[in-house]
PDB file of N, CA and C in Angstrom:
ATOM      1  N   MET A   1     -17.003   1.588   8.430  1.00  0.00           N
ATOM      2  CA  MET A   1     -17.712   0.231   8.473  1.00  0.00           C
ATOM      3  C   MET A   1     -16.463  -0.522   7.490  1.00  0.00           C
ATOM      4  N   PRO A   2     -16.064  -1.651   8.397  1.00  0.00           N
ATOM      5  CA  PRO A   2     -14.850  -2.460   7.728  1.00  0.00           C
ATOM      6  C   PRO A   2     -15.638  -3.403   6.553  1.00  0.00           C
ATOM      7  N   LEU A   3     -14.913  -3.642   5.631  1.00  0.00           N
ATOM      8  CA  LEU A   3     -15.488  -4.539   4.684  1.00  0.00           C
ATOM      9  C   LEU A   3     -15.393  -6.242   4.951  1.00  0.00           C
ATOM     10  N   THR A   4     -16.482  -6.972   4.609  1.00  0.00           N
ATOM     11  CA  THR A   4     -16.484  -8.204   4.841  1.00  0.00           C
ATOM     12  C   THR A   4     -15.660  -8.643   3.458  1.00  0.00           C
ATOM     13  N   SER A   5     -15.189 -10.112   4.022  1.00  0.00           N
ATOM     14  CA  SER A   5     -14.415 -10.608   3.057  1.00  0.00           C
ATOM     15  C   SER A   5     -14.956 -10.812   1.618  1.00  0.00           C
ATOM     16  N   GLU A   6     -16.368 -11.110   1.734  1.00  0.00           N
ATOM     17  CA  GLU A   6     -17.013 -11.002   0.208  1.00  0.00           C
ATOM     18  C   GLU A   6     -16.952  -9.641  -0.424  1.00  0.00           C
ATOM     19  N   GLU A   7     -17.199  -8.748   0.430  1.00  0.00           N
ATOM     20  CA  GLU A   7     -17.114  -7.293  -0.307  1.00  0.00           C
ATOM     21  C   GLU A   7     -15.679  -7.176  -0.951  1.00  0.00           C
ATOM     22  N   ASP A   8     -14.703  -7.329  -0.147  1.00  0.00           N
ATOM     23  CA  ASP A   8     -13.429  -7.027  -0.279  1.00  0.00           C
ATOM     24  C   ASP A   8     -12.855  -8.006  -1.535  1.00  0.00           C
ATOM     25  N   GLU A   9     -13.342  -9.059  -1.410  1.00  0.00           N
ATOM     26  CA  GLU A   9     -13.157  -9.786  -2.743  1.00  0.00           C
ATOM     27  C   GLU A   9     -13.809  -9.543  -3.938  1.00  0.00           C
ATOM     28  N   PHE A  10     -14.884  -8.897  -4.024  1.00  0.00           N
ATOM     29  CA  PHE A  10     -15.867  -8.721  -5.188  1.00  0.00           C
ATOM     30  C   PHE A  10     -15.079  -7.333  -5.520  1.00  0.00           C
ATOM     31  N   LEU A  11     -14.803  -6.477  -4.803  1.00  0.00           N
ATOM     32  CA  LEU A  11     -14.121  -5.030  -5.022  1.00  0.00           C
ATOM     33  C   LEU A  11     -12.935  -5.298  -5.786  1.00  0.00           C
ATOM     34  N   GLU A  12     -11.951  -6.166  -5.114  1.00  0.00           N
ATOM     35  CA  GLU A  12     -10.833  -6.522  -5.784  1.00  0.00           C
ATOM     36  C   GLU A  12     -11.126  -7.027  -7.480  1.00  0.00           C
ATOM     37  N   VAL A  13     -11.860  -8.102  -7.489  1.00  0.00           N
ATOM     38  CA  VAL A  13     -12.168  -8.495  -8.859  1.00  0.00           C
ATOM     39  C   VAL A  13     -12.703  -7.736  -9.554  1.00  0.00           C
ATOM     40  N   ALA A  14     -13.778  -6.683  -9.335  1.00  0.00           N
ATOM     41  CA  ALA A  14     -14.638  -5.912  -9.949  1.00  0.00           C
ATOM     42  C   ALA A  14     -13.276  -4.613 -10.674  1.00  0.00           C
ATOM     43  N   SER A  15     -12.521  -4.417  -9.748  1.00  0.00           N
ATOM     44  CA  SER A  15     -11.407  -3.281  -9.612  1.00  0.00           C
ATOM     45  C   SER A  15     -10.514  -3.788 -11.018  1.00  0.00           C
ATOM     46  N   ASP A  16     -10.117  -5.045 -10.865  1.00  0.00           N
ATOM     47  CA  ASP A  16      -9.077  -5.585 -11.489  1.00  0.00           C
ATOM     48  C   ASP A  16      -9.516  -5.729 -13.054  1.00  0.00           C
ATOM     49  N   GLY A  17     -11.043  -5.778 -13.189  1.00  0.00           N
ATOM     50  CA  GLY A  17     -11.438  -5.968 -14.733  1.00  0.00           C
ATOM     51  C   GLY A  17     -11.919  -4.968 -15.116  1.00  0.00           C
ATOM     52  N   LEU A  18     -11.826  -3.427 -14.390  1.00  0.00           N
ATOM     53  CA  LEU A  18     -12.105  -2.058 -14.973  1.00  0.00           C
ATOM     54  C   LEU A  18     -11.295  -1.927 -16.390  1.00  0.00           C
ATOM     55  N   PRO A  19      -9.960  -1.910 -16.396  1.00  0.00           N
ATOM     56  CA  PRO A  19      -9.459  -1.416 -17.292  1.00  0.00           C
ATOM     57  C   PRO A  19      -9.951  -2.114 -18.657  1.00  0.00           C
ATOM     58  N   ARG A  20     -10.319  -3.308 -18.663  1.00  0.00           N
ATOM     59  CA  ARG A  20     -10.654  -3.818 -19.713  1.00  0.00           C
ATOM     60  C   ARG A  20     -12.218  -3.701 -20.177  1.00  0.00           C
ATOM     61  N   ILE A  21     -13.138  -3.315 -19.237  1.00  0.00           N
ATOM     62  CA  ILE A  21     -14.141  -2.634 -19.571  1.00  0.00           C
ATOM     63  C   ILE A  21     -14.297  -1.284 -19.947  1.00  0.00           C
ATOM     64  N   ILE A  22     -13.376  -0.626 -19.202  1.00  0.00           N
ATOM     65  CA  ILE A  22     -13.197   0.826 -20.004  1.00  0.00           C
ATOM     66  C   ILE A  22     -12.680   0.889 -21.349  1.00  0.00           C
ATOM     67  N   GLU A  23     -11.936   0.009 -21.879  1.00  0.00           N
ATOM     68  CA  GLU A  23     -11.487  -0.051 -22.966  1.00  0.00           C
ATOM     69  C   GLU A  23     -12.460  -0.432 -24.056  1.00  0.00           C
ATOM     70  N   LEU A  24     -13.327  -1.432 -23.634  1.00  0.00           N
ATOM     71  CA  LEU A  24     -14.427  -1.968 -24.374  1.00  0.00           C
ATOM     72  C   LEU A  24     -15.351  -0.669 -24.526  1.00  0.00           C
ATOM     73  N   ILE A  25     -16.062  -0.191 -23.629  1.00  0.00           N
ATOM     74  CA  ILE A  25     -17.104   0.825 -23.721  1.00  0.00           C
ATOM     75  C   ILE A  25     -16.867   2.171 -24.474  1.00  0.00           C
ATOM     76  N   ALA A  26     -15.412   2.587 -23.940  1.00  0.00           N
ATOM     77  CA  ALA A  26     -14.918   3.731 -24.524  1.00  0.00           C
ATOM     78  C   ALA A  26     -14.866   3.675 -26.238  1.00  0.00           C
ATOM     79  N   THR A  27     -14.977   2.468 -27.009  1.00  0.00           N
ATOM     80  CA  THR A  27     -15.032   2.406 -28.203  1.00  0.00           C
ATOM     81  C   THR A  27     -16.209   2.342 -28.688  1.00  0.00           C
ATOM     82  N   PHE A  28     -17.044   2.047 -27.943  1.00  0.00           N
ATOM     83  CA  PHE A  28     -18.930   2.123 -28.550  1.00  0.00           C
ATOM     84  C   PHE A  28     -19.143   3.431 -28.896  1.00  0.00           C
ATOM     85  N   PRO A  29     -19.994   3.104 -30.076  1.00  0.00           N
ATOM     86  CA  PRO A  29     -20.604   4.353 -30.504  1.00  0.00           C
ATOM     87  C   PRO A  29     -21.161   5.215 -29.479  1.00  0.00           C
ATOM     88  N   VAL A  30     -21.256   6.326 -29.394  1.00  0.00           N
ATOM     89  CA  VAL A  30     -22.087   7.304 -28.321  1.00  0.00           C
ATOM     90  C   VAL A  30     -23.584   6.756 -28.159  1.00  0.00           C
ATOM     91  N   GLU A  31     -24.158   6.399 -29.101  1.00  0.00           N
ATOM     92  CA  GLU A  31     -25.752   5.824 -29.166  1.00  0.00           C
ATOM     93  C   GLU A  31     -25.865   4.572 -28.456  1.00  0.00           C
ATOM     94  N   HIS A  32     -24.548   3.739 -27.973  1.00  0.00           N
ATOM     95  CA  HIS A  32     -24.661   2.590 -27.515  1.00  0.00           C
ATOM     96  C   HIS A  32     -24.079   2.617 -26.110  1.00  0.00           C
ATOM     97  N   ARG A  33     -23.578   3.518 -25.876  1.00  0.00           N
ATOM     98  CA  ARG A  33     -22.859   3.357 -24.436  1.00  0.00           C
ATOM     99  C   ARG A  33     -23.625   3.312 -23.219  1.00  0.00           C
ATOM    100  N   ALA A  34     -25.171   3.994 -23.427  1.00  0.00           N
ATOM    101  CA  ALA A  34     -25.757   3.951 -22.305  1.00  0.00           C
ATOM    102  C   ALA A  34     -26.243   2.416 -21.994  1.00  0.00           C
ATOM    103  N   GLY A  35     -26.424   1.774 -22.874  1.00  0.00           N
ATOM    104  CA  GLY A  35     -26.797   0.362 -22.895  1.00  0.00           C
ATOM    105  C   GLY A  35     -25.516  -0.642 -22.382  1.00  0.00           C
ATOM    106  N   ALA A  36     -24.546  -0.148 -22.760  1.00  0.00           N
ATOM    107  CA  ALA A  36     -23.323  -0.627 -22.412  1.00  0.00           C
ATOM    108  C   ALA A  36     -23.338  -0.415 -20.952  1.00  0.00           C
ATOM    109  N   PHE A  37     -23.273   0.715 -20.295  1.00  0.00           N
ATOM    110  CA  PHE A  37     -23.472   0.780 -18.838  1.00  0.00           C
ATOM    111  C   PHE A  37     -24.587   0.273 -18.224  1.00  0.00           C
ATOM    112  N   GLU A  38     -25.604  -0.016 -18.664  1.00  0.00           N
ATOM    113  CA  GLU A  38     -26.617  -0.574 -18.115  1.00  0.00           C
ATOM    114  C   GLU A  38     -26.142  -2.041 -18.105  1.00  0.00           C
ATOM    115  N   VAL A  39     -25.799  -2.758 -19.124  1.00  0.00           N
ATOM    116  CA  VAL A  39     -25.474  -4.154 -18.901  1.00  0.00           C
ATOM    117  C   VAL A  39     -24.225  -4.309 -17.844  1.00  0.00           C
ATOM    118  N   ALA A  40     -23.190  -3.535 -17.688  1.00  0.00           N
ATOM    119  CA  ALA A  40     -22.213  -3.305 -16.996  1.00  0.00           C
ATOM    120  C   ALA A  40     -22.764  -3.332 -15.355  1.00  0.00           C
ATOM    121  N   GLU A  41     -23.440  -2.575 -15.063  1.00  0.00           N
ATOM    122  CA  GLU A  41     -24.093  -2.519 -14.042  1.00  0.00           C
ATOM    123  C   GLU A  41     -24.955  -3.710 -13.456  1.00  0.00           C
ATOM    124  N   ARG A  42     -25.752  -4.141 -14.450  1.00  0.00           N
ATOM    125  CA  ARG A  42     -26.521  -5.619 -14.089  1.00  0.00           C
ATOM    126  C   ARG A  42     -25.373  -6.563 -13.598  1.00  0.00           C
ATOM    127  N   ARG A  43     -24.395  -6.845 -14.503  1.00  0.00           N
ATOM    128  CA  ARG A  43     -23.224  -7.750 -14.365  1.00  0.00           C
ATOM    129  C   ARG A  43     -22.867  -7.472 -13.014  1.00  0.00           C
ATOM    130  N   TYR A  44     -22.416  -6.426 -12.847  1.00  0.00           N
ATOM    131  CA  TYR A  44     -21.771  -5.933 -11.368  1.00  0.00           C
ATOM    132  C   TYR A  44     -22.697  -6.733 -10.419  1.00  0.00           C
ATOM    133  N   VAL A  45     -23.873  -6.105 -10.005  1.00  0.00           N
ATOM    134  CA  VAL A  45     -24.721  -6.521  -9.172  1.00  0.00           C
ATOM    135  C   VAL A  45     -25.008  -8.171  -8.959  1.00  0.00           C
ATOM    136  N   GLU A  46     -24.858  -8.911 -10.301  1.00  0.00           N
ATOM    137  CA  GLU A  46     -24.991 -10.094 -10.369  1.00  0.00           C
ATOM    138  C   GLU A  46     -23.733 -10.770  -9.711  1.00  0.00           C
ATOM    139  N   ALA A  47     -22.317  -9.980 -10.090  1.00  0.00           N
ATOM    140  CA  ALA A  47     -21.183 -10.421  -9.436  1.00  0.00           C
ATOM    141  C   ALA A  47     -21.120 -10.244  -7.948  1.00  0.00           C
ATOM    142  N   ALA A  48     -21.717  -9.281  -7.357  1.00  0.00           N
ATOM    143  CA  ALA A  48     -21.594  -8.830  -6.263  1.00  0.00           C
ATOM    144  C   ALA A  48     -22.566 -10.041  -5.284  1.00  0.00           C
ATOM    145  N   ARG A  49     -23.553 -10.300  -6.006  1.00  0.00           N
ATOM    146  CA  ARG A  49     -24.345 -11.393  -5.264  1.00  0.00           C
ATOM    147  C   ARG A  49     -23.735 -12.654  -5.109  1.00  0.00           C
ATOM    148  N   ASP A  50     -23.297 -12.926  -6.193  1.00  0.00           N
ATOM    149  CA  ASP A  50     -22.496 -14.220  -6.485  1.00  0.00           C
ATOM    150  C   ASP A  50     -21.414 -14.347  -5.441  1.00  0.00           C
ATOM    151  N   PHE A  51     -20.649 -13.343  -5.082  1.00  0.00           N
ATOM    152  CA  PHE A  51     -19.497 -13.135  -4.211  1.00  0.00           C
ATOM    153  C   PHE A  51     -20.124 -13.391  -2.817  1.00  0.00           C
ATOM    154  N   GLY A  52     -21.594 -12.920  -2.606  1.00  0.00           N
ATOM    155  CA  GLY A  52     -22.027 -13.253  -1.419  1.00  0.00           C
ATOM    156  C   GLY A  52     -22.270 -11.965  -0.647  1.00  0.00           C
ATOM    157  N   CYS A  53     -22.246 -10.931  -1.550  1.00  0.00           N
ATOM    158  CA  CYS A  53     -22.369  -9.373  -0.522  1.00  0.00           C
ATOM    159  C   CYS A  53     -24.135  -9.404  -0.355  1.00  0.00           C
ATOM    160  N   SER A  54     -24.350  -8.481   0.703  1.00  0.00           N
ATOM    161  CA  SER A  54     -25.528  -8.283   0.954  1.00  0.00           C
ATOM    162  C   SER A  54     -26.274  -7.179  -0.133  1.00  0.00           C
ATOM    163  N   GLU A  55     -27.270  -7.419  -0.132  1.00  0.00           N
ATOM    164  CA  GLU A  55     -27.936  -6.515  -1.220  1.00  0.00           C
ATOM    165  C   GLU A  55     -27.538  -4.786  -0.949  1.00  0.00           C
ATOM    166  N   GLU A  56     -27.547  -4.504   0.163  1.00  0.00           N
ATOM    167  CA  GLU A  56     -27.345  -3.307   0.736  1.00  0.00           C
ATOM    168  C   GLU A  56     -25.817  -2.804   0.219  1.00  0.00           C
ATOM    169  N   ALA A  57     -24.956  -3.803   0.493  1.00  0.00           N
ATOM    170  CA  ALA A  57     -23.468  -3.790  -0.007  1.00  0.00           C
ATOM    171  C   ALA A  57     -23.341  -3.790  -1.365  1.00  0.00           C
ATOM    172  N   ALA A  58     -24.094  -4.545  -2.236  1.00  0.00           N
ATOM    173  CA  ALA A  58     -24.016  -4.685  -3.543  1.00  0.00           C
ATOM    174  C   ALA A  58     -24.304  -3.388  -4.416  1.00  0.00           C
ATOM    175  N   THR A  59     -25.685  -3.173  -3.839  1.00  0.00           N
ATOM    176  CA  THR A  59     -26.142  -1.535  -4.156  1.00  0.00           C
ATOM    177  C   THR A  59     -25.137  -0.612  -4.093  1.00  0.00           C
ATOM    178  N   ARG A  60     -24.568  -0.331  -2.840  1.00  0.00           N
ATOM    179  CA  ARG A  60     -23.353   0.506  -2.691  1.00  0.00           C
ATOM    180  C   ARG A  60     -22.182   0.577  -3.289  1.00  0.00           C
ATOM    181  N   TRP A  61     -21.740  -0.720  -3.475  1.00  0.00           N
ATOM    182  CA  TRP A  61     -20.278  -1.050  -4.044  1.00  0.00           C
ATOM    183  C   TRP A  61     -20.642  -0.752  -5.439  1.00  0.00           C
ATOM    184  N   VAL A  62     -21.696  -1.183  -6.282  1.00  0.00           N
ATOM    185  CA  VAL A  62     -21.913  -1.028  -7.504  1.00  0.00           C
ATOM    186  C   VAL A  62     -21.970   0.248  -7.742  1.00  0.00           C
ATOM    187  N   ALA A  63     -22.809   1.097  -7.190  1.00  0.00           N
ATOM    188  CA  ALA A  63     -23.006   2.539  -7.573  1.00  0.00           C
ATOM    189  C   ALA A  63     -21.664   3.283  -7.709  1.00  0.00           C
ATOM    190  N   ALA A  64     -21.033   2.815  -6.543  1.00  0.00           N
ATOM    191  CA  ALA A  64     -19.243   3.486  -6.691  1.00  0.00           C
ATOM    192  C   ALA A  64     -18.630   3.019  -7.951  1.00  0.00           C
ATOM    193  N   ILE A  65     -18.541   1.594  -8.276  1.00  0.00           N
ATOM    194  CA  ILE A  65     -17.732   1.294  -9.362  1.00  0.00           C
ATOM    195  C   ILE A  65     -18.309   1.966 -10.684  1.00  0.00           C
ATOM    196  N   MET A  66     -19.760   2.039 -10.630  1.00  0.00           N
ATOM    197  CA  MET A  66     -20.431   2.760 -12.032  1.00  0.00           C
ATOM    198  C   MET A  66     -20.011   4.010 -12.077  1.00  0.00           C
ATOM    199  N   ARG A  67     -19.752   4.837 -10.986  1.00  0.00           N
ATOM    200  CA  ARG A  67     -19.455   6.319 -10.930  1.00  0.00           C
ATOM    201  C   ARG A  67     -17.960   6.418 -11.470  1.00  0.00           C
ATOM    202  N   LYS A  68     -17.253   5.438 -11.123  1.00  0.00           N
ATOM    203  CA  LYS A  68     -15.623   5.508 -11.467  1.00  0.00           C
ATOM    204  C   LYS A  68     -15.607   4.954 -12.940  1.00  0.00           C
ATOM    205  N   LEU A  69     -16.560   3.990 -13.271  1.00  0.00           N
ATOM    206  CA  LEU A  69     -16.633   3.470 -14.608  1.00  0.00           C
ATOM    207  C   LEU A  69     -16.742   4.478 -15.532  1.00  0.00           C
ATOM    208  N   ARG A  70     -17.856   5.371 -15.302  1.00  0.00           N
ATOM    209  CA  ARG A  70     -18.194   6.288 -16.150  1.00  0.00           C
ATOM    210  C   ARG A  70     -17.021   7.323 -16.363  1.00  0.00           C
ATOM    211  N   THR A  71     -16.688   7.886 -15.269  1.00  0.00           N
ATOM    212  CA  THR A  71     -15.708   8.799 -15.249  1.00  0.00           C
ATOM    213  C   THR A  71     -14.320   8.496 -16.210  1.00  0.00           C
ATOM    214  N   LEU A  72     -14.099   7.108 -15.872  1.00  0.00           N
ATOM    215  CA  LEU A  72     -13.019   6.501 -16.748  1.00  0.00           C
ATOM    216  C   LEU A  72     -13.125   6.334 -18.350  1.00  0.00           C
ATOM    217  N   VAL A  73     -14.476   5.915 -18.394  1.00  0.00           N
ATOM    218  CA  VAL A  73     -14.545   5.919 -19.816  1.00  0.00           C
ATOM    219  C   VAL A  73     -14.725   7.331 -20.583  1.00  0.00           C
ATOM    220  N   GLN A  74     -15.198   8.164 -20.003  1.00  0.00           N
ATOM    221  CA  GLN A  74     -15.022   9.735 -20.561  1.00  0.00           C
ATOM    222  C   GLN A  74     -13.793   9.783 -20.742  1.00  0.00           C
ATOM    223  N   GLN A  75     -13.026   9.637 -19.550  1.00  0.00           N
ATOM    224  CA  GLN A  75     -11.502  10.139 -19.793  1.00  0.00           C
ATOM    225  C   GLN A  75     -10.827   9.657 -21.027  1.00  0.00           C
ATOM    226  N   LYS A  76     -11.137   8.139 -21.300  1.00  0.00           N
ATOM    227  CA  LYS A  76     -10.377   7.292 -22.132  1.00  0.00           C
ATOM    228  C   LYS A  76     -11.079   7.969 -23.491  1.00  0.00           C
ATOM    229  N   ALA A  77     -12.358   8.035 -23.543  1.00  0.00           N
ATOM    230  CA  ALA A  77     -12.958   8.537 -25.060  1.00  0.00           C
ATOM    231  C   ALA A  77     -12.237   9.793 -25.292  1.00  0.00           C
ATOM    232  N   MET A  78     -12.231  10.927 -24.352  1.00  0.00           N
ATOM    233  CA  MET A  78     -11.540  12.152 -24.551  1.00  0.00           C
ATOM    234  C   MET A  78     -10.147  11.866 -25.242  1.00  0.00           C
ATOM    235  N   GLU A  79      -9.320  11.119 -24.613  1.00  0.00           N
ATOM    236  CA  GLU A  79      -7.827  10.805 -25.054  1.00  0.00           C
ATOM    237  C   GLU A  79      -7.829  10.333 -26.256  1.00  0.00           C
ATOM    238  N   ARG A  80      -8.903   9.524 -26.606  1.00  0.00           N
ATOM    239  CA  ARG A  80      -8.942   9.113 -27.923  1.00  0.00           C
ATOM    240  C   ARG A  80      -9.565   9.937 -29.182  1.00  0.00           C
ATOM    241  N   GLY A  81     -10.150  11.190 -28.522  1.00  0.00           N
ATOM    242  CA  GLY A  81     -10.876  11.988 -29.509  1.00  0.00           C
ATOM    243  C   GLY A  81     -12.235  11.535 -29.876  1.00  0.00           C
ATOM    244  N   ILE A  82     -12.783  10.663 -28.857  1.00  0.00           N
ATOM    245  CA  ILE A  82     -13.821  10.165 -29.105  1.00  0.00           C
ATOM    246  C   ILE A  82     -15.197  10.983 -28.360  1.00  0.00           C
ATOM    247  N   LYS A  83     -16.293  11.294 -29.250  1.00  0.00           N
ATOM    248  CA  LYS A  83     -17.434  11.897 -28.319  1.00  0.00           C
ATOM    249  C   LYS A  83     -17.902  11.045 -27.172  1.00  0.00           C
ATOM    250  N   PHE A  84     -18.167  12.033 -26.131  1.00  0.00           N
ATOM    251  CA  PHE A  84     -18.751  11.237 -24.940  1.00  0.00           C
ATOM    252  C   PHE A  84     -20.069  11.930 -24.732  1.00  0.00           C
ATOM    253  N   ASP A  85     -21.215  11.278 -24.743  1.00  0.00           N
ATOM    254  CA  ASP A  85     -22.300  11.824 -24.345  1.00  0.00           C
ATOM    255  C   ASP A  85     -23.012  10.712 -23.277  1.00  0.00           C
ATOM    256  N   ASP A  86     -22.770  10.866 -22.000  1.00  0.00           N
ATOM    257  CA  ASP A  86     -23.563   9.906 -21.263  1.00  0.00           C
ATOM    258  C   ASP A  86     -24.628  10.671 -20.649  1.00  0.00           C
ATOM    259  N   SER A  87     -25.831  10.899 -20.603  1.00  0.00           N
ATOM    260  CA  SER A  87     -26.827  11.398 -19.986  1.00  0.00           C
ATOM    261  C   SER A  87     -27.181  10.813 -18.674  1.00  0.00           C
ATOM    262  N   ASN A  88     -26.434   9.746 -18.303  1.00  0.00           N
ATOM    263  CA  ASN A  88     -26.759   8.993 -16.762  1.00  0.00           C
ATOM    264  C   ASN A  88     -25.691   9.583 -15.727  1.00  0.00           C
TER     265      ASN A  88
END
């Protein structure tokens, strides 16, 4: 299924911002990361809606972004020798 222009624009902006968010969350103490991921997810959903994505598209794309974000934060934390413990 081809992307709508709204989805494409949202994904481009969300992807461009990932490195900064990864750096930020990877530095959080383990006990605060779950909350940071929750905030990130809420903000991504809001952004997807603001870009005009349908609710279904927002849910689908934010889930994909969050999977990628968690994986990359884990990698960054491991590179830095910081404990990673995300039960989500």
